[in-house]
Amino acid sequence: MSQSPAHKPDNNLHGILFMLGGVFVLSLMDVTAKLLVEAEYSPFQILAIRGWIITLCFSSFLGMRGQIEYLKTKRRRDYVIRALIGFCAPFLFFTALGTMPIADVVVIFFAAPFIMTALSIPLLKETVGRYRWTAIGIGFIGVVIVIQPSGGTFQIGAFYALGACLAYCLIQLMTRWMSDTEHPIQLVFYFNLGTAVIGTCALPFVWKPMPIEHIAILLVMACVAMLGHMLMTTAFTRAPVSVVVPFEYTALIWGTLFGFVIWSDFPANHVWIGAVIIIISGIYMVHREQVAKKSKLENQENP
């Protein structure tokens, strides 16, 4: 019996390779963002230019393929809300990169799976079992260890990173909610268009002339952002979530390496301790989610 395109057989190796490639490329994007923020460009300016570059690339690509109709939508209000929330994620993330080492920001952002799972209960009416609640609680302990809110070393950048993480989780939950009627191309296109428009509104107040080398860095940022998201999206289509998600944590390796080579930054001991707790909790939570799905499927097949 032939298989439909929607049910292609899993290829774990390909999925892992795509995920590793996507994480590496997006880590390069973090480097370009930090370089630009440290050059005192406002995140508004960075996101406006990056957003227009990506929007133009998408429009040109769809136009050449005669697929502009993919951008038609009846959910304009939802896209506006998603853009307003979604803008906060890269804006706060880039702001955090201006005050903290890349690796530290990346570790705090690892809290996303815990926040997303917790928010899915009131927003998507999903059920979370006691094992995943335990993993969420332990994971947040790891986050607290990293940011040290009462240890005298708490930085405002940690607050920005947590805010970026929350906004990222909300936009991903909206993506899941809107995916019943919207194509991934629409979701990516209108997110970047919204980012471009919002950033442009602030340009008269934050604009700073850019030399050619900084424009080149922005072009690289836009290209790697598109490539990274394409690679990671492909990874989830080639292999199960439980297989590819653990490899997202290789972002810590690249963040540490780039931070050390370029800025001579190296995570403190408490960051490593918190990272280990967060990563183990995250992997366990993904495992429990797969166990729950398997159990639910078996119950449906054997009523």
C-alpha atoms as a PDB file:
ATOM      1  CA  MET A   1       0.000   0.000   0.000  1.00  0.00           C
ATOM      2  CA  SER A   2       1.438   3.393  -0.916  1.00  0.00           C
ATOM      3  CA  GLN A   3       1.845   6.038   1.757  1.00  0.00           C
ATOM      4  CA  SER A   4       0.455   9.498   1.480  1.00  0.00           C
ATOM      5  CA  PRO A   5       2.824  12.478   1.627  1.00  0.00           C
ATOM      6  CA  ALA A   6       1.422  13.371   5.034  1.00  0.00           C
ATOM      7  CA  HIS A   7       2.604  10.072   6.448  1.00  0.00           C
ATOM      8  CA  LYS A   8       6.147   9.677   5.179  1.00  0.00           C
ATOM      9  CA  PRO A   9       8.283   7.128   6.985  1.00  0.00           C
ATOM     10  CA  ASP A  10      10.555   8.563   9.666  1.00  0.00           C
ATOM     11  CA  ASN A  11      14.216   9.019   8.849  1.00  0.00           C
ATOM     12  CA  ASN A  12      15.833   9.674  12.205  1.00  0.00           C
ATOM     13  CA  LEU A  13      19.338  10.289  10.863  1.00  0.00           C
ATOM     14  CA  HIS A  14      18.134  12.896   8.379  1.00  0.00           C
ATOM     15  CA  GLY A  15      16.006  14.557  11.058  1.00  0.00           C
ATOM     16  CA  ILE A  16      18.954  14.741  13.455  1.00  0.00           C
ATOM     17  CA  LEU A  17      21.258  16.159  10.764  1.00  0.00           C
ATOM     18  CA  PHE A  18      18.711  18.821   9.791  1.00  0.00           C
ATOM     19  CA  MET A  19      18.244  19.764  13.449  1.00  0.00           C
ATOM     20  CA  LEU A  20      22.002  19.988  14.060  1.00  0.00           C
ATOM     21  CA  GLY A  21      22.371  22.144  10.962  1.00  0.00           C
ATOM     22  CA  GLY A  22      19.481  24.383  11.944  1.00  0.00           C
ATOM     23  CA  VAL A  23      20.783  24.924  15.475  1.00  0.00           C
ATOM     24  CA  PHE A  24      24.264  25.755  14.156  1.00  0.00           C
ATOM     25  CA  VAL A  25      22.925  28.239  11.604  1.00  0.00           C
ATOM     26  CA  LEU A  26      20.648  29.958  14.140  1.00  0.00           C
ATOM     27  CA  SER A  27      23.611  30.179  16.523  1.00  0.00           C
ATOM     28  CA  LEU A  28      25.406  32.120  13.798  1.00  0.00           C
ATOM     29  CA  MET A  29      22.371  34.421  13.688  1.00  0.00           C
ATOM     30  CA  ASP A  30      22.783  35.045  17.422  1.00  0.00           C
ATOM     31  CA  VAL A  31      26.399  36.052  16.789  1.00  0.00           C
ATOM     32  CA  THR A  32      25.385  38.557  14.104  1.00  0.00           C
ATOM     33  CA  ALA A  33      22.672  39.970  16.380  1.00  0.00           C
ATOM     34  CA  LYS A  34      25.104  40.429  19.263  1.00  0.00           C
ATOM     35  CA  LEU A  35      27.656  42.120  16.977  1.00  0.00           C
ATOM     36  CA  LEU A  36      25.049  44.590  15.742  1.00  0.00           C
ATOM     37  CA  VAL A  37      23.573  45.316  19.170  1.00  0.00           C
ATOM     38  CA  GLU A  38      27.055  45.918  20.580  1.00  0.00           C
ATOM     39  CA  ALA A  39      27.646  48.317  17.680  1.00  0.00           C
ATOM     40  CA  GLU A  40      24.781  50.297  19.271  1.00  0.00           C
ATOM     41  CA  TYR A  41      22.117  49.620  16.668  1.00  0.00           C
ATOM     42  CA  SER A  42      18.630  49.477  18.103  1.00  0.00           C
ATOM     43  CA  PRO A  43      16.884  46.097  17.903  1.00  0.00           C
ATOM     44  CA  PHE A  44      14.056  48.046  16.218  1.00  0.00           C
ATOM     45  CA  GLN A  45      16.368  48.963  13.341  1.00  0.00           C
ATOM     46  CA  ILE A  46      17.842  45.460  13.109  1.00  0.00           C
ATOM     47  CA  LEU A  47      14.447  43.760  13.057  1.00  0.00           C
ATOM     48  CA  ALA A  48      12.948  46.254  10.606  1.00  0.00           C
ATOM     49  CA  ILE A  49      15.683  45.730   8.018  1.00  0.00           C
ATOM     50  CA  ARG A  50      15.866  41.970   8.593  1.00  0.00           C
ATOM     51  CA  GLY A  51      12.088  41.692   8.344  1.00  0.00           C
ATOM     52  CA  TRP A  52      11.918  43.562   5.026  1.00  0.00           C
ATOM     53  CA  ILE A  53      14.749  41.464   3.570  1.00  0.00           C
ATOM     54  CA  ILE A  54      12.999  38.205   4.488  1.00  0.00           C
ATOM     55  CA  THR A  55       9.596  39.501   3.335  1.00  0.00           C
ATOM     56  CA  LEU A  56      11.049  40.555  -0.009  1.00  0.00           C
ATOM     57  CA  CYS A  57      12.777  37.181  -0.455  1.00  0.00           C
ATOM     58  CA  PHE A  58       9.567  35.299   0.317  1.00  0.00           C
ATOM     59  CA  SER A  59       7.486  37.481  -1.996  1.00  0.00           C
ATOM     60  CA  SER A  60       9.973  37.110  -4.849  1.00  0.00           C
ATOM     61  CA  PHE A  61      10.190  33.340  -4.373  1.00  0.00           C
ATOM     62  CA  LEU A  62       6.415  32.880  -4.323  1.00  0.00           C
ATOM     63  CA  GLY A  63       5.989  35.261  -7.238  1.00  0.00           C
ATOM     64  CA  MET A  64       8.456  33.356  -9.411  1.00  0.00           C
ATOM     65  CA  ARG A  65       6.659  30.098  -8.606  1.00  0.00           C
ATOM     66  CA  GLY A  66       3.223  31.589  -9.190  1.00  0.00           C
ATOM     67  CA  GLN A  67       2.186  30.833  -5.622  1.00  0.00           C
ATOM     68  CA  ILE A  68       1.254  34.285  -4.306  1.00  0.00           C
ATOM     69  CA  GLU A  69      -2.205  32.884  -3.527  1.00  0.00           C
ATOM     70  CA  TYR A  70      -0.599  31.080  -0.576  1.00  0.00           C
ATOM     71  CA  LEU A  71      -0.564  34.447   1.194  1.00  0.00           C
ATOM     72  CA  LYS A  72      -4.345  34.910   1.079  1.00  0.00           C
ATOM     73  CA  THR A  73      -5.893  34.719   4.530  1.00  0.00           C
ATOM     74  CA  LYS A  74      -9.106  35.528   6.379  1.00  0.00           C
ATOM     75  CA  ARG A  75      -7.429  35.706   9.799  1.00  0.00           C
ATOM     76  CA  ARG A  76      -5.904  39.186   9.582  1.00  0.00           C
ATOM     77  CA  ARG A  77      -6.727  40.077  13.178  1.00  0.00           C
ATOM     78  CA  ASP A  78      -5.018  36.919  14.456  1.00  0.00           C
ATOM     79  CA  TYR A  79      -1.926  37.742  12.429  1.00  0.00           C
ATOM     80  CA  VAL A  80      -1.811  41.271  13.870  1.00  0.00           C
ATOM     81  CA  ILE A  81      -1.987  39.895  17.421  1.00  0.00           C
ATOM     82  CA  ARG A  82       0.633  37.261  16.580  1.00  0.00           C
ATOM     83  CA  ALA A  83       2.927  39.904  15.091  1.00  0.00           C
ATOM     84  CA  LEU A  84       2.648  42.169  18.140  1.00  0.00           C
ATOM     85  CA  ILE A  85       3.477  39.303  20.489  1.00  0.00           C
ATOM     86  CA  GLY A  86       6.028  37.764  18.155  1.00  0.00           C
ATOM     87  CA  PHE A  87       7.968  41.007  17.743  1.00  0.00           C
ATOM     88  CA  CYS A  88       8.771  40.940  21.447  1.00  0.00           C
ATOM     89  CA  ALA A  89      10.595  37.605  21.168  1.00  0.00           C
ATOM     90  CA  PRO A  90      13.516  38.664  18.913  1.00  0.00           C
ATOM     91  CA  PHE A  91      13.448  42.227  20.253  1.00  0.00           C
ATOM     92  CA  LEU A  92      13.949  41.128  23.867  1.00  0.00           C
ATOM     93  CA  PHE A  93      16.331  38.322  22.829  1.00  0.00           C
ATOM     94  CA  PHE A  94      18.586  40.743  20.932  1.00  0.00           C
ATOM     95  CA  THR A  95      18.401  43.201  23.824  1.00  0.00           C
ATOM     96  CA  ALA A  96      19.512  40.446  26.201  1.00  0.00           C
ATOM     97  CA  LEU A  97      22.428  39.605  23.901  1.00  0.00           C
ATOM     98  CA  GLY A  98      23.604  43.192  24.311  1.00  0.00           C
ATOM     99  CA  THR A  99      24.048  42.713  28.068  1.00  0.00           C
ATOM    100  CA  MET A 100      24.868  39.017  28.562  1.00  0.00           C
ATOM    101  CA  PRO A 101      27.069  36.309  27.011  1.00  0.00           C
ATOM    102  CA  ILE A 102      25.374  34.285  24.261  1.00  0.00           C
ATOM    103  CA  ALA A 103      25.593  31.010  26.195  1.00  0.00           C
ATOM    104  CA  ASP A 104      23.844  32.509  29.254  1.00  0.00           C
ATOM    105  CA  VAL A 105      20.976  33.865  27.144  1.00  0.00           C
ATOM    106  CA  VAL A 106      20.645  30.535  25.305  1.00  0.00           C
ATOM    107  CA  VAL A 107      20.424  28.583  28.573  1.00  0.00           C
ATOM    108  CA  ILE A 108      17.652  30.835  29.905  1.00  0.00           C
ATOM    109  CA  PHE A 109      15.816  30.418  26.595  1.00  0.00           C
ATOM    110  CA  PHE A 110      15.861  26.658  27.205  1.00  0.00           C
ATOM    111  CA  ALA A 111      12.969  27.320  29.589  1.00  0.00           C
ATOM    112  CA  ALA A 112      10.688  27.584  26.529  1.00  0.00           C
ATOM    113  CA  PRO A 113       9.454  23.944  26.563  1.00  0.00           C
ATOM    114  CA  PHE A 114       8.431  24.246  30.227  1.00  0.00           C
ATOM    115  CA  ILE A 115       6.621  27.562  29.761  1.00  0.00           C
ATOM    116  CA  MET A 116       4.954  26.353  26.565  1.00  0.00           C
ATOM    117  CA  THR A 117       3.697  23.178  28.209  1.00  0.00           C
ATOM    118  CA  ALA A 118       2.348  25.077  31.220  1.00  0.00           C
ATOM    119  CA  LEU A 119       0.593  27.669  29.021  1.00  0.00           C
ATOM    120  CA  SER A 120      -0.939  24.990  26.794  1.00  0.00           C
ATOM    121  CA  ILE A 121      -3.268  24.048  29.662  1.00  0.00           C
ATOM    122  CA  PRO A 122      -5.261  27.317  29.934  1.00  0.00           C
ATOM    123  CA  LEU A 123      -4.792  28.414  26.302  1.00  0.00           C
ATOM    124  CA  LEU A 124      -5.211  25.144  24.367  1.00  0.00           C
ATOM    125  CA  LYS A 125      -7.032  23.087  27.022  1.00  0.00           C
ATOM    126  CA  GLU A 126      -4.347  20.399  26.854  1.00  0.00           C
ATOM    127  CA  THR A 127      -3.736  17.924  29.659  1.00  0.00           C
ATOM    128  CA  VAL A 128      -0.391  17.666  31.425  1.00  0.00           C
ATOM    129  CA  GLY A 129       0.326  14.693  33.670  1.00  0.00           C
ATOM    130  CA  ARG A 130       2.139  14.686  36.992  1.00  0.00           C
ATOM    131  CA  TYR A 131       5.394  13.453  35.459  1.00  0.00           C
ATOM    132  CA  ARG A 132       5.598  16.398  33.081  1.00  0.00           C
ATOM    133  CA  TRP A 133       4.586  18.796  35.878  1.00  0.00           C
ATOM    134  CA  THR A 134       7.503  17.418  37.902  1.00  0.00           C
ATOM    135  CA  ALA A 135       9.831  17.973  34.934  1.00  0.00           C
ATOM    136  CA  ILE A 136       8.526  21.537  34.558  1.00  0.00           C
ATOM    137  CA  GLY A 137       9.152  22.275  38.249  1.00  0.00           C
ATOM    138  CA  ILE A 138      12.675  20.859  38.184  1.00  0.00           C
ATOM    139  CA  GLY A 139      13.400  22.673  34.927  1.00  0.00           C
ATOM    140  CA  PHE A 140      12.442  26.017  36.452  1.00  0.00           C
ATOM    141  CA  ILE A 141      14.748  25.307  39.378  1.00  0.00           C
ATOM    142  CA  GLY A 142      17.513  25.067  36.784  1.00  0.00           C
ATOM    143  CA  VAL A 143      16.456  28.439  35.330  1.00  0.00           C
ATOM    144  CA  VAL A 144      16.515  30.035  38.784  1.00  0.00           C
ATOM    145  CA  ILE A 145      20.024  28.682  39.336  1.00  0.00           C
ATOM    146  CA  VAL A 146      21.157  30.254  36.058  1.00  0.00           C
ATOM    147  CA  ILE A 147      19.704  33.726  36.645  1.00  0.00           C
ATOM    148  CA  GLN A 148      20.484  33.814  40.418  1.00  0.00           C
ATOM    149  CA  PRO A 149      17.719  36.314  41.306  1.00  0.00           C
ATOM    150  CA  SER A 150      18.985  36.785  44.875  1.00  0.00           C
ATOM    151  CA  GLY A 151      22.662  36.017  44.403  1.00  0.00           C
ATOM    152  CA  GLY A 152      23.808  39.550  43.710  1.00  0.00           C
ATOM    153  CA  THR A 153      24.688  38.737  40.104  1.00  0.00           C
ATOM    154  CA  PHE A 154      21.214  39.019  38.574  1.00  0.00           C
ATOM    155  CA  GLN A 155      21.360  41.025  35.358  1.00  0.00           C
ATOM    156  CA  ILE A 156      18.576  42.902  33.625  1.00  0.00           C
ATOM    157  CA  GLY A 157      19.527  40.831  30.585  1.00  0.00           C
ATOM    158  CA  ALA A 158      18.126  37.750  32.333  1.00  0.00           C
ATOM    159  CA  PHE A 159      14.770  39.525  32.600  1.00  0.00           C
ATOM    160  CA  TYR A 160      14.900  40.331  28.880  1.00  0.00           C
ATOM    161  CA  ALA A 161      15.778  36.707  28.063  1.00  0.00           C
ATOM    162  CA  LEU A 162      12.854  35.395  30.113  1.00  0.00           C
ATOM    163  CA  GLY A 163      10.536  37.900  28.437  1.00  0.00           C
ATOM    164  CA  ALA A 164      11.764  36.766  25.032  1.00  0.00           C
ATOM    165  CA  CYS A 165      11.185  33.167  26.045  1.00  0.00           C
ATOM    166  CA  LEU A 166       7.602  33.908  27.147  1.00  0.00           C
ATOM    167  CA  ALA A 167       6.824  35.763  23.912  1.00  0.00           C
ATOM    168  CA  TYR A 168       8.328  32.913  21.884  1.00  0.00           C
ATOM    169  CA  CYS A 169       6.123  30.407  23.698  1.00  0.00           C
ATOM    170  CA  LEU A 170       2.992  32.467  23.095  1.00  0.00           C
ATOM    171  CA  ILE A 171       3.711  32.803  19.387  1.00  0.00           C
ATOM    172  CA  GLN A 172       4.343  29.060  19.074  1.00  0.00           C
ATOM    173  CA  LEU A 173       1.053  28.308  20.818  1.00  0.00           C
ATOM    174  CA  MET A 174      -0.688  30.707  18.426  1.00  0.00           C
ATOM    175  CA  THR A 175       1.025  28.883  15.567  1.00  0.00           C
ATOM    176  CA  ARG A 176      -0.408  25.593  16.804  1.00  0.00           C
ATOM    177  CA  TRP A 177      -3.837  27.184  17.204  1.00  0.00           C
ATOM    178  CA  MET A 178      -3.805  28.793  13.717  1.00  0.00           C
ATOM    179  CA  SER A 179      -2.306  25.818  11.889  1.00  0.00           C
ATOM    180  CA  ASP A 180      -5.747  24.287  11.373  1.00  0.00           C
ATOM    181  CA  THR A 181      -6.429  26.818   8.591  1.00  0.00           C
ATOM    182  CA  GLU A 182      -3.085  28.501   7.869  1.00  0.00           C
ATOM    183  CA  HIS A 183      -0.163  27.251   5.776  1.00  0.00           C
ATOM    184  CA  PRO A 184       3.374  27.415   7.279  1.00  0.00           C
ATOM    185  CA  ILE A 185       4.355  29.827   4.478  1.00  0.00           C
ATOM    186  CA  GLN A 186       1.654  32.246   5.641  1.00  0.00           C
ATOM    187  CA  LEU A 187       2.739  31.974   9.263  1.00  0.00           C
ATOM    188  CA  VAL A 188       6.392  32.687   8.456  1.00  0.00           C
ATOM    189  CA  PHE A 189       5.664  35.433   5.921  1.00  0.00           C
ATOM    190  CA  TYR A 190       3.234  37.449   8.057  1.00  0.00           C
ATOM    191  CA  PHE A 191       5.412  37.092  11.144  1.00  0.00           C
ATOM    192  CA  ASN A 192       8.339  38.704   9.316  1.00  0.00           C
ATOM    193  CA  LEU A 193       6.098  41.285   7.653  1.00  0.00           C
ATOM    194  CA  GLY A 194       4.703  42.245  11.048  1.00  0.00           C
ATOM    195  CA  THR A 195       8.199  42.450  12.513  1.00  0.00           C
ATOM    196  CA  ALA A 196       9.275  44.698   9.638  1.00  0.00           C
ATOM    197  CA  VAL A 197       6.283  47.024   9.988  1.00  0.00           C
ATOM    198  CA  ILE A 198       6.581  47.378  13.771  1.00  0.00           C
ATOM    199  CA  GLY A 199      10.321  47.983  13.586  1.00  0.00           C
ATOM    200  CA  THR A 200       9.859  50.540  10.799  1.00  0.00           C
ATOM    201  CA  CYS A 201       7.434  52.563  12.935  1.00  0.00           C
ATOM    202  CA  ALA A 202      10.277  53.189  15.392  1.00  0.00           C
ATOM    203  CA  LEU A 203      12.967  53.972  12.798  1.00  0.00           C
ATOM    204  CA  PRO A 204      12.544  57.794  12.891  1.00  0.00           C
ATOM    205  CA  PHE A 205      13.495  57.680  16.575  1.00  0.00           C
ATOM    206  CA  VAL A 206      16.282  55.081  16.552  1.00  0.00           C
ATOM    207  CA  TRP A 207      17.840  55.158  13.067  1.00  0.00           C
ATOM    208  CA  LYS A 208      21.624  55.046  12.912  1.00  0.00           C
ATOM    209  CA  PRO A 209      23.487  55.115   9.568  1.00  0.00           C
ATOM    210  CA  MET A 210      25.115  51.774   8.756  1.00  0.00           C
ATOM    211  CA  PRO A 211      28.463  51.290   7.025  1.00  0.00           C
ATOM    212  CA  ILE A 212      28.687  48.646   4.331  1.00  0.00           C
ATOM    213  CA  GLU A 213      30.199  46.015   6.654  1.00  0.00           C
ATOM    214  CA  HIS A 214      27.258  46.241   9.047  1.00  0.00           C
ATOM    215  CA  ILE A 215      24.789  46.054   6.171  1.00  0.00           C
ATOM    216  CA  ALA A 216      26.597  42.879   5.106  1.00  0.00           C
ATOM    217  CA  ILE A 217      26.175  41.454   8.620  1.00  0.00           C
ATOM    218  CA  LEU A 218      22.447  42.195   8.462  1.00  0.00           C
ATOM    219  CA  LEU A 219      22.160  40.451   5.114  1.00  0.00           C
ATOM    220  CA  VAL A 220      23.930  37.428   6.575  1.00  0.00           C
ATOM    221  CA  MET A 221      21.551  37.528   9.559  1.00  0.00           C
ATOM    222  CA  ALA A 222      18.489  37.495   7.299  1.00  0.00           C
ATOM    223  CA  CYS A 223      19.851  34.641   5.187  1.00  0.00           C
ATOM    224  CA  VAL A 224      20.821  32.443   8.132  1.00  0.00           C
ATOM    225  CA  ALA A 225      17.492  33.161   9.847  1.00  0.00           C
ATOM    226  CA  MET A 226      15.599  31.847   6.815  1.00  0.00           C
ATOM    227  CA  LEU A 227      17.928  28.885   6.361  1.00  0.00           C
ATOM    228  CA  GLY A 228      17.907  27.985  10.060  1.00  0.00           C
ATOM    229  CA  HIS A 229      14.136  27.947  10.334  1.00  0.00           C
ATOM    230  CA  MET A 230      13.827  25.909   7.136  1.00  0.00           C
ATOM    231  CA  LEU A 231      16.313  23.340   8.432  1.00  0.00           C
ATOM    232  CA  MET A 232      14.613  23.018  11.816  1.00  0.00           C
ATOM    233  CA  THR A 233      11.154  22.791  10.261  1.00  0.00           C
ATOM    234  CA  THR A 234      12.408  20.050   7.944  1.00  0.00           C
ATOM    235  CA  ALA A 235      13.893  18.201  10.919  1.00  0.00           C
ATOM    236  CA  PHE A 236      10.454  17.883  12.517  1.00  0.00           C
ATOM    237  CA  THR A 237       9.027  16.505   9.268  1.00  0.00           C
ATOM    238  CA  ARG A 238      11.712  13.826   8.947  1.00  0.00           C
ATOM    239  CA  ALA A 239      11.830  12.375  12.471  1.00  0.00           C
ATOM    240  CA  PRO A 240       9.716  12.207  15.667  1.00  0.00           C
ATOM    241  CA  VAL A 241       9.864  15.122  18.098  1.00  0.00           C
ATOM    242  CA  SER A 242      11.428  12.917  20.780  1.00  0.00           C
ATOM    243  CA  VAL A 243      14.323  12.145  18.439  1.00  0.00           C
ATOM    244  CA  VAL A 244      15.216  15.648  17.235  1.00  0.00           C
ATOM    245  CA  VAL A 245      14.361  17.914  20.197  1.00  0.00           C
ATOM    246  CA  PRO A 246      17.313  16.841  22.396  1.00  0.00           C
ATOM    247  CA  PHE A 247      19.677  18.051  19.682  1.00  0.00           C
ATOM    248  CA  GLU A 248      18.375  21.604  20.095  1.00  0.00           C
ATOM    249  CA  TYR A 249      20.530  21.744  23.195  1.00  0.00           C
ATOM    250  CA  THR A 250      23.661  21.759  21.027  1.00  0.00           C
ATOM    251  CA  ALA A 251      22.945  25.502  20.874  1.00  0.00           C
ATOM    252  CA  LEU A 252      24.731  25.709  24.234  1.00  0.00           C
ATOM    253  CA  ILE A 253      27.874  24.229  22.689  1.00  0.00           C
ATOM    254  CA  TRP A 254      27.886  26.743  19.845  1.00  0.00           C
ATOM    255  CA  GLY A 255      26.937  29.638  22.125  1.00  0.00           C
ATOM    256  CA  THR A 256      29.798  28.788  24.462  1.00  0.00           C
ATOM    257  CA  LEU A 257      32.279  28.322  21.606  1.00  0.00           C
ATOM    258  CA  PHE A 258      31.367  31.523  19.779  1.00  0.00           C
ATOM    259  CA  GLY A 259      31.201  33.483  23.025  1.00  0.00           C
ATOM    260  CA  PHE A 260      34.665  32.327  24.046  1.00  0.00           C
ATOM    261  CA  VAL A 261      36.330  32.786  20.638  1.00  0.00           C
ATOM    262  CA  ILE A 262      34.806  36.188  19.819  1.00  0.00           C
ATOM    263  CA  TRP A 263      34.176  37.794  23.232  1.00  0.00           C
ATOM    264  CA  SER A 264      36.315  35.689  25.620  1.00  0.00           C
ATOM    265  CA  ASP A 265      33.142  34.821  27.561  1.00  0.00           C
ATOM    266  CA  PHE A 266      32.775  31.499  29.334  1.00  0.00           C
ATOM    267  CA  PRO A 267      29.739  30.410  31.390  1.00  0.00           C
ATOM    268  CA  ALA A 268      30.178  30.416  35.148  1.00  0.00           C
ATOM    269  CA  ASN A 269      29.753  27.200  37.146  1.00  0.00           C
ATOM    270  CA  HIS A 270      26.171  28.001  38.171  1.00  0.00           C
ATOM    271  CA  VAL A 271      25.208  28.400  34.502  1.00  0.00           C
ATOM    272  CA  TRP A 272      26.522  24.904  33.714  1.00  0.00           C
ATOM    273  CA  ILE A 273      24.730  23.413  36.719  1.00  0.00           C
ATOM    274  CA  GLY A 274      21.457  25.065  35.728  1.00  0.00           C
ATOM    275  CA  ALA A 275      21.933  24.038  32.090  1.00  0.00           C
ATOM    276  CA  VAL A 276      22.363  20.371  33.013  1.00  0.00           C
ATOM    277  CA  ILE A 277      19.183  20.438  35.124  1.00  0.00           C
ATOM    278  CA  ILE A 278      17.218  22.194  32.381  1.00  0.00           C
ATOM    279  CA  ILE A 279      18.419  19.874  29.615  1.00  0.00           C
ATOM    280  CA  ILE A 280      17.738  16.663  31.562  1.00  0.00           C
ATOM    281  CA  SER A 281      14.279  17.917  32.563  1.00  0.00           C
ATOM    282  CA  GLY A 282      13.495  18.963  28.995  1.00  0.00           C
ATOM    283  CA  ILE A 283      14.515  15.630  27.504  1.00  0.00           C
ATOM    284  CA  TYR A 284      12.529  13.767  30.155  1.00  0.00           C
ATOM    285  CA  MET A 285       9.463  15.906  29.491  1.00  0.00           C
ATOM    286  CA  VAL A 286       9.648  15.152  25.758  1.00  0.00           C
ATOM    287  CA  HIS A 287       9.965  11.459  26.611  1.00  0.00           C
ATOM    288  CA  ARG A 288       6.884  11.554  28.843  1.00  0.00           C
ATOM    289  CA  GLU A 289       4.920  13.370  26.137  1.00  0.00           C
ATOM    290  CA  GLN A 290       5.724  10.585  23.674  1.00  0.00           C
ATOM    291  CA  VAL A 291       4.772   7.946  26.256  1.00  0.00           C
ATOM    292  CA  ALA A 292       1.443   9.710  26.810  1.00  0.00           C
ATOM    293  CA  LYS A 293       0.749   9.875  23.060  1.00  0.00           C
ATOM    294  CA  LYS A 294       1.606   6.195  22.626  1.00  0.00           C
ATOM    295  CA  SER A 295      -0.641   5.211  25.524  1.00  0.00           C
ATOM    296  CA  LYS A 296      -3.518   7.288  24.131  1.00  0.00           C
ATOM    297  CA  LEU A 297      -3.100   5.692  20.701  1.00  0.00           C
ATOM    298  CA  GLU A 298      -3.085   2.179  22.178  1.00  0.00           C
ATOM    299  CA  ASN A 299      -6.256   2.942  24.138  1.00  0.00           C
ATOM    300  CA  GLN A 300      -7.964   4.137  20.959  1.00  0.00           C
ATOM    301  CA  GLU A 301      -6.949   0.982  19.098  1.00  0.00           C
ATOM    302  CA  ASN A 302      -8.000  -1.283  21.979  1.00  0.00           C
ATOM    303  CA  PRO A 303     -11.145   0.217  23.535  1.00  0.00           C
END
